[in-house]
Amino acid sequence: MFKVVVITDPESATGFRLAGSDVLEAEDSYEASQVLSSLLHEEETGIIAIREDFLANLDKSLYEQVERCYHPVIIPIPAPRKGDEVSGYVERLLRRAIGYNVVMRS
């Protein structure tokens, strides 16, 4: 069975761990590219979810390798934006995941 691995920042890592995913933390795009590069060659990894800003800042050769690869599947996940409230971030994640806008109320 393939595993799902999430590459994200340390602040978001706990939430993904609570959801049952394997999580690898990266402080910046450089660290994320090192982690992603090693995961691309692991047979048991089926899906890699990576922060969209980490993916956007990959060096050209690694980005081209990601574009050509069909296994594992690479899925960008929204990254928190400056000034973004936590509820706004969660709403964007949910909208992307399920296709509907879910409004968080406190």
N, C-alpha and C. Protein backbone atom coordinates (compact mmCIF):
# COMPACT_ATOMS: atom_id res chain seq x y z
N MET A 1 0.85 -1.17 0.00
CA MET A 1 0.00 0.00 0.00
C MET A 1 0.89 1.24 0.00
N PHE A 2 0.51 2.22 -0.80
CA PHE A 2 1.27 3.46 -0.89
C PHE A 2 0.96 4.36 0.29
N LYS A 3 1.92 5.20 0.64
CA LYS A 3 1.68 6.14 1.73
C LYS A 3 1.60 7.57 1.19
N VAL A 4 0.93 8.41 1.97
CA VAL A 4 0.79 9.83 1.67
C VAL A 4 1.80 10.57 2.55
N VAL A 5 2.58 11.43 1.93
CA VAL A 5 3.56 12.22 2.66
C VAL A 5 3.27 13.69 2.41
N VAL A 6 3.30 14.49 3.47
CA VAL A 6 3.07 15.92 3.36
C VAL A 6 4.38 16.64 3.69
N ILE A 7 4.76 17.57 2.82
CA ILE A 7 5.92 18.43 3.06
C ILE A 7 5.38 19.81 3.36
N THR A 8 5.59 20.27 4.59
CA THR A 8 5.04 21.55 5.01
C THR A 8 5.92 22.20 6.06
N ASP A 9 5.52 23.40 6.45
CA ASP A 9 6.26 24.13 7.48
C ASP A 9 5.96 23.54 8.86
N PRO A 10 6.81 23.81 9.86
CA PRO A 10 6.59 23.26 11.20
C PRO A 10 5.28 23.70 11.84
N GLU A 11 4.79 24.89 11.53
CA GLU A 11 3.56 25.38 12.14
C GLU A 11 2.33 24.59 11.67
N SER A 12 2.34 24.11 10.44
CA SER A 12 1.20 23.37 9.88
C SER A 12 1.33 21.86 10.07
N ALA A 13 2.50 21.41 10.45
CA ALA A 13 2.78 19.97 10.49
C ALA A 13 1.87 19.21 11.44
N THR A 14 1.59 19.77 12.60
CA THR A 14 0.79 19.07 13.60
C THR A 14 -0.60 18.72 13.07
N GLY A 15 -1.23 19.65 12.38
CA GLY A 15 -2.55 19.39 11.83
C GLY A 15 -2.56 18.23 10.86
N PHE A 16 -1.55 18.15 10.01
CA PHE A 16 -1.48 17.05 9.05
C PHE A 16 -1.17 15.72 9.76
N ARG A 17 -0.36 15.79 10.82
CA ARG A 17 -0.09 14.57 11.60
C ARG A 17 -1.37 14.07 12.27
N LEU A 18 -2.16 15.00 12.80
CA LEU A 18 -3.42 14.61 13.44
C LEU A 18 -4.38 13.97 12.43
N ALA A 19 -4.24 14.34 11.16
CA ALA A 19 -5.08 13.75 10.11
C ALA A 19 -4.55 12.38 9.67
N GLY A 20 -3.40 11.96 10.21
CA GLY A 20 -2.88 10.64 9.92
C GLY A 20 -1.85 10.56 8.82
N SER A 21 -1.37 11.71 8.36
CA SER A 21 -0.37 11.71 7.29
C SER A 21 1.04 11.64 7.85
N ASP A 22 1.93 11.07 7.04
CA ASP A 22 3.35 11.19 7.35
C ASP A 22 3.76 12.60 6.97
N VAL A 23 4.44 13.29 7.85
CA VAL A 23 4.79 14.69 7.61
C VAL A 23 6.29 14.89 7.70
N LEU A 24 6.82 15.60 6.73
CA LEU A 24 8.21 16.02 6.75
C LEU A 24 8.23 17.54 6.76
N GLU A 25 8.92 18.10 7.72
CA GLU A 25 8.92 19.55 7.88
C GLU A 25 10.08 20.18 7.12
N ALA A 26 9.80 21.38 6.60
CA ALA A 26 10.83 22.16 5.92
C ALA A 26 10.65 23.62 6.32
N GLU A 27 11.74 24.26 6.64
CA GLU A 27 11.69 25.67 7.04
C GLU A 27 11.54 26.60 5.84
N ASP A 28 12.04 26.16 4.68
CA ASP A 28 12.02 27.02 3.49
C ASP A 28 12.00 26.16 2.23
N SER A 29 11.98 26.83 1.10
CA SER A 29 11.90 26.13 -0.19
C SER A 29 13.11 25.26 -0.46
N TYR A 30 14.27 25.69 -0.01
CA TYR A 30 15.49 24.90 -0.22
C TYR A 30 15.38 23.56 0.50
N GLU A 31 15.01 23.59 1.77
CA GLU A 31 14.85 22.34 2.53
C GLU A 31 13.77 21.46 1.90
N ALA A 32 12.68 22.08 1.47
CA ALA A 32 11.59 21.33 0.85
C ALA A 32 12.07 20.64 -0.42
N SER A 33 12.89 21.31 -1.21
CA SER A 33 13.38 20.69 -2.44
C SER A 33 14.29 19.50 -2.14
N GLN A 34 15.08 19.58 -1.07
CA GLN A 34 15.93 18.45 -0.68
C GLN A 34 15.07 17.25 -0.28
N VAL A 35 14.04 17.50 0.50
CA VAL A 35 13.14 16.43 0.95
C VAL A 35 12.39 15.84 -0.24
N LEU A 36 11.85 16.70 -1.10
CA LEU A 36 11.11 16.24 -2.26
C LEU A 36 11.98 15.39 -3.18
N SER A 37 13.19 15.83 -3.40
CA SER A 37 14.11 15.11 -4.26
C SER A 37 14.34 13.68 -3.77
N SER A 38 14.48 13.51 -2.47
CA SER A 38 14.70 12.16 -1.94
C SER A 38 13.43 11.30 -2.01
N LEU A 39 12.27 11.94 -1.84
CA LEU A 39 11.01 11.18 -1.88
C LEU A 39 10.63 10.70 -3.27
N LEU A 40 11.08 11.39 -4.29
CA LEU A 40 10.71 11.02 -5.67
C LEU A 40 11.19 9.62 -6.04
N HIS A 41 12.17 9.11 -5.32
CA HIS A 41 12.75 7.80 -5.66
C HIS A 41 12.33 6.70 -4.70
N GLU A 42 11.41 6.99 -3.77
CA GLU A 42 10.93 5.97 -2.84
C GLU A 42 9.70 5.28 -3.43
N GLU A 43 9.77 3.98 -3.57
CA GLU A 43 8.68 3.21 -4.18
C GLU A 43 7.40 3.22 -3.36
N GLU A 44 7.52 3.26 -2.02
CA GLU A 44 6.32 3.17 -1.19
C GLU A 44 5.54 4.48 -1.08
N THR A 45 6.12 5.58 -1.54
CA THR A 45 5.42 6.86 -1.51
C THR A 45 4.52 6.98 -2.73
N GLY A 46 3.21 7.13 -2.49
CA GLY A 46 2.25 7.21 -3.60
C GLY A 46 1.80 8.63 -3.89
N ILE A 47 1.67 9.44 -2.83
CA ILE A 47 1.22 10.82 -2.98
C ILE A 47 2.10 11.71 -2.12
N ILE A 48 2.55 12.81 -2.71
CA ILE A 48 3.29 13.82 -1.97
C ILE A 48 2.49 15.11 -2.06
N ALA A 49 2.04 15.59 -0.91
CA ALA A 49 1.36 16.88 -0.84
C ALA A 49 2.39 17.88 -0.35
N ILE A 50 2.57 18.96 -1.08
CA ILE A 50 3.60 19.94 -0.76
C ILE A 50 3.02 21.34 -0.83
N ARG A 51 3.45 22.20 0.07
CA ARG A 51 2.97 23.58 0.05
C ARG A 51 3.20 24.20 -1.31
N GLU A 52 2.21 24.92 -1.82
CA GLU A 52 2.30 25.49 -3.15
C GLU A 52 3.47 26.46 -3.31
N ASP A 53 3.81 27.21 -2.26
CA ASP A 53 4.93 28.13 -2.38
C ASP A 53 6.26 27.38 -2.42
N PHE A 54 6.36 26.24 -1.74
CA PHE A 54 7.57 25.42 -1.84
C PHE A 54 7.70 24.88 -3.26
N LEU A 55 6.60 24.41 -3.81
CA LEU A 55 6.61 23.85 -5.17
C LEU A 55 6.95 24.90 -6.21
N ALA A 56 6.42 26.10 -6.02
CA ALA A 56 6.66 27.19 -6.98
C ALA A 56 8.11 27.65 -6.99
N ASN A 57 8.82 27.42 -5.91
CA ASN A 57 10.20 27.91 -5.79
C ASN A 57 11.25 26.82 -6.00
N LEU A 58 10.86 25.69 -6.57
CA LEU A 58 11.84 24.64 -6.86
C LEU A 58 12.77 25.11 -7.97
N ASP A 59 14.00 24.59 -7.95
CA ASP A 59 14.89 24.93 -9.05
C ASP A 59 14.37 24.27 -10.33
N LYS A 60 14.78 24.81 -11.44
CA LYS A 60 14.21 24.42 -12.74
C LYS A 60 14.32 22.92 -13.03
N SER A 61 15.47 22.32 -12.76
CA SER A 61 15.65 20.90 -13.08
C SER A 61 14.75 20.01 -12.22
N LEU A 62 14.61 20.32 -10.94
CA LEU A 62 13.74 19.52 -10.08
C LEU A 62 12.28 19.73 -10.46
N TYR A 63 11.91 20.95 -10.80
CA TYR A 63 10.53 21.23 -11.21
C TYR A 63 10.19 20.44 -12.48
N GLU A 64 11.11 20.38 -13.43
CA GLU A 64 10.88 19.62 -14.66
C GLU A 64 10.75 18.13 -14.36
N GLN A 65 11.54 17.64 -13.40
CA GLN A 65 11.45 16.24 -13.00
C GLN A 65 10.08 15.95 -12.39
N VAL A 66 9.58 16.86 -11.56
CA VAL A 66 8.26 16.71 -10.95
C VAL A 66 7.18 16.71 -12.03
N GLU A 67 7.30 17.58 -13.01
CA GLU A 67 6.32 17.66 -14.09
C GLU A 67 6.27 16.38 -14.92
N ARG A 68 7.39 15.71 -15.09
CA ARG A 68 7.46 14.49 -15.90
C ARG A 68 7.06 13.24 -15.14
N CYS A 69 7.11 13.31 -13.83
CA CYS A 69 6.90 12.10 -13.03
C CYS A 69 5.41 11.79 -12.86
N TYR A 70 5.06 10.54 -12.98
CA TYR A 70 3.68 10.11 -12.77
C TYR A 70 3.53 9.34 -11.46
N HIS A 71 4.62 8.94 -10.87
CA HIS A 71 4.61 8.28 -9.57
C HIS A 71 5.81 8.74 -8.78
N PRO A 72 5.63 9.28 -7.65
CA PRO A 72 4.39 9.55 -6.94
C PRO A 72 3.66 10.75 -7.52
N VAL A 73 2.39 10.86 -7.16
CA VAL A 73 1.57 11.99 -7.58
C VAL A 73 1.91 13.16 -6.65
N ILE A 74 2.17 14.33 -7.25
CA ILE A 74 2.50 15.53 -6.49
C ILE A 74 1.28 16.44 -6.44
N ILE A 75 0.85 16.81 -5.23
CA ILE A 75 -0.32 17.65 -5.06
C ILE A 75 0.07 18.91 -4.30
N PRO A 76 -0.12 20.08 -4.90
CA PRO A 76 0.17 21.32 -4.16
C PRO A 76 -0.95 21.61 -3.16
N ILE A 77 -0.58 22.06 -1.98
CA ILE A 77 -1.57 22.47 -0.99
C ILE A 77 -1.38 23.95 -0.70
N PRO A 78 -2.46 24.68 -0.48
CA PRO A 78 -2.35 26.12 -0.23
C PRO A 78 -1.50 26.40 1.01
N ALA A 79 -0.73 27.45 0.92
CA ALA A 79 0.09 27.90 2.04
C ALA A 79 -0.56 29.10 2.70
N PRO A 80 -0.38 29.24 4.00
CA PRO A 80 -0.92 30.43 4.66
C PRO A 80 -0.31 31.69 4.06
N ARG A 81 -1.11 32.71 3.90
CA ARG A 81 -0.62 33.98 3.38
C ARG A 81 -0.47 34.96 4.53
N LYS A 82 0.43 35.92 4.35
CA LYS A 82 0.59 36.95 5.38
C LYS A 82 -0.74 37.67 5.57
N GLY A 83 -1.12 37.86 6.82
CA GLY A 83 -2.37 38.54 7.12
C GLY A 83 -3.59 37.65 7.02
N ASP A 84 -3.40 36.41 6.59
CA ASP A 84 -4.50 35.46 6.46
C ASP A 84 -4.88 34.95 7.85
N GLU A 85 -6.14 35.02 8.17
CA GLU A 85 -6.60 34.45 9.43
C GLU A 85 -6.60 32.94 9.31
N VAL A 86 -6.51 32.27 10.44
CA VAL A 86 -6.52 30.81 10.43
C VAL A 86 -7.78 30.28 9.77
N SER A 87 -8.92 30.88 10.08
CA SER A 87 -10.17 30.38 9.49
C SER A 87 -10.17 30.56 7.97
N GLY A 88 -9.60 31.65 7.48
CA GLY A 88 -9.52 31.86 6.03
C GLY A 88 -8.65 30.81 5.36
N TYR A 89 -7.57 30.46 6.01
CA TYR A 89 -6.67 29.42 5.48
C TYR A 89 -7.38 28.07 5.44
N VAL A 90 -8.06 27.73 6.52
CA VAL A 90 -8.77 26.46 6.58
C VAL A 90 -9.89 26.43 5.55
N GLU A 91 -10.59 27.54 5.37
CA GLU A 91 -11.64 27.61 4.36
C GLU A 91 -11.08 27.37 2.96
N ARG A 92 -9.93 27.95 2.65
CA ARG A 92 -9.31 27.73 1.34
C ARG A 92 -8.92 26.26 1.16
N LEU A 93 -8.39 25.64 2.21
CA LEU A 93 -8.04 24.22 2.13
C LEU A 93 -9.27 23.36 1.86
N LEU A 94 -10.35 23.64 2.60
CA LEU A 94 -11.58 22.88 2.41
C LEU A 94 -12.18 23.09 1.03
N ARG A 95 -12.19 24.32 0.56
CA ARG A 95 -12.75 24.61 -0.77
C ARG A 95 -11.97 23.85 -1.83
N ARG A 96 -10.66 23.81 -1.68
CA ARG A 96 -9.85 23.10 -2.65
C ARG A 96 -10.07 21.59 -2.57
N ALA A 97 -10.23 21.07 -1.35
CA ALA A 97 -10.37 19.62 -1.16
C ALA A 97 -11.73 19.10 -1.59
N ILE A 98 -12.80 19.82 -1.24
CA ILE A 98 -14.14 19.28 -1.50
C ILE A 98 -14.91 20.03 -2.57
N GLY A 99 -14.39 21.17 -3.01
CA GLY A 99 -15.03 21.89 -4.09
C GLY A 99 -16.16 22.82 -3.66
N TYR A 100 -16.35 22.97 -2.37
CA TYR A 100 -17.39 23.86 -1.86
C TYR A 100 -16.79 24.85 -0.88
N ASN A 101 -17.39 26.00 -0.81
CA ASN A 101 -16.96 27.01 0.14
C ASN A 101 -17.62 26.73 1.48
N VAL A 102 -16.83 26.47 2.49
CA VAL A 102 -17.32 26.21 3.84
C VAL A 102 -16.94 27.44 4.68
N VAL A 103 -17.93 28.06 5.30
CA VAL A 103 -17.68 29.25 6.11
C VAL A 103 -17.51 28.83 7.56
N MET A 104 -16.39 29.25 8.15
CA MET A 104 -16.10 28.95 9.55
C MET A 104 -16.67 30.05 10.41
N ARG A 105 -17.45 29.67 11.41
CA ARG A 105 -17.99 30.66 12.34
C ARG A 105 -17.54 30.31 13.75
N SER A 106 -17.28 31.35 14.52
CA SER A 106 -16.83 31.09 15.89
C SER A 106 -17.93 31.30 16.89
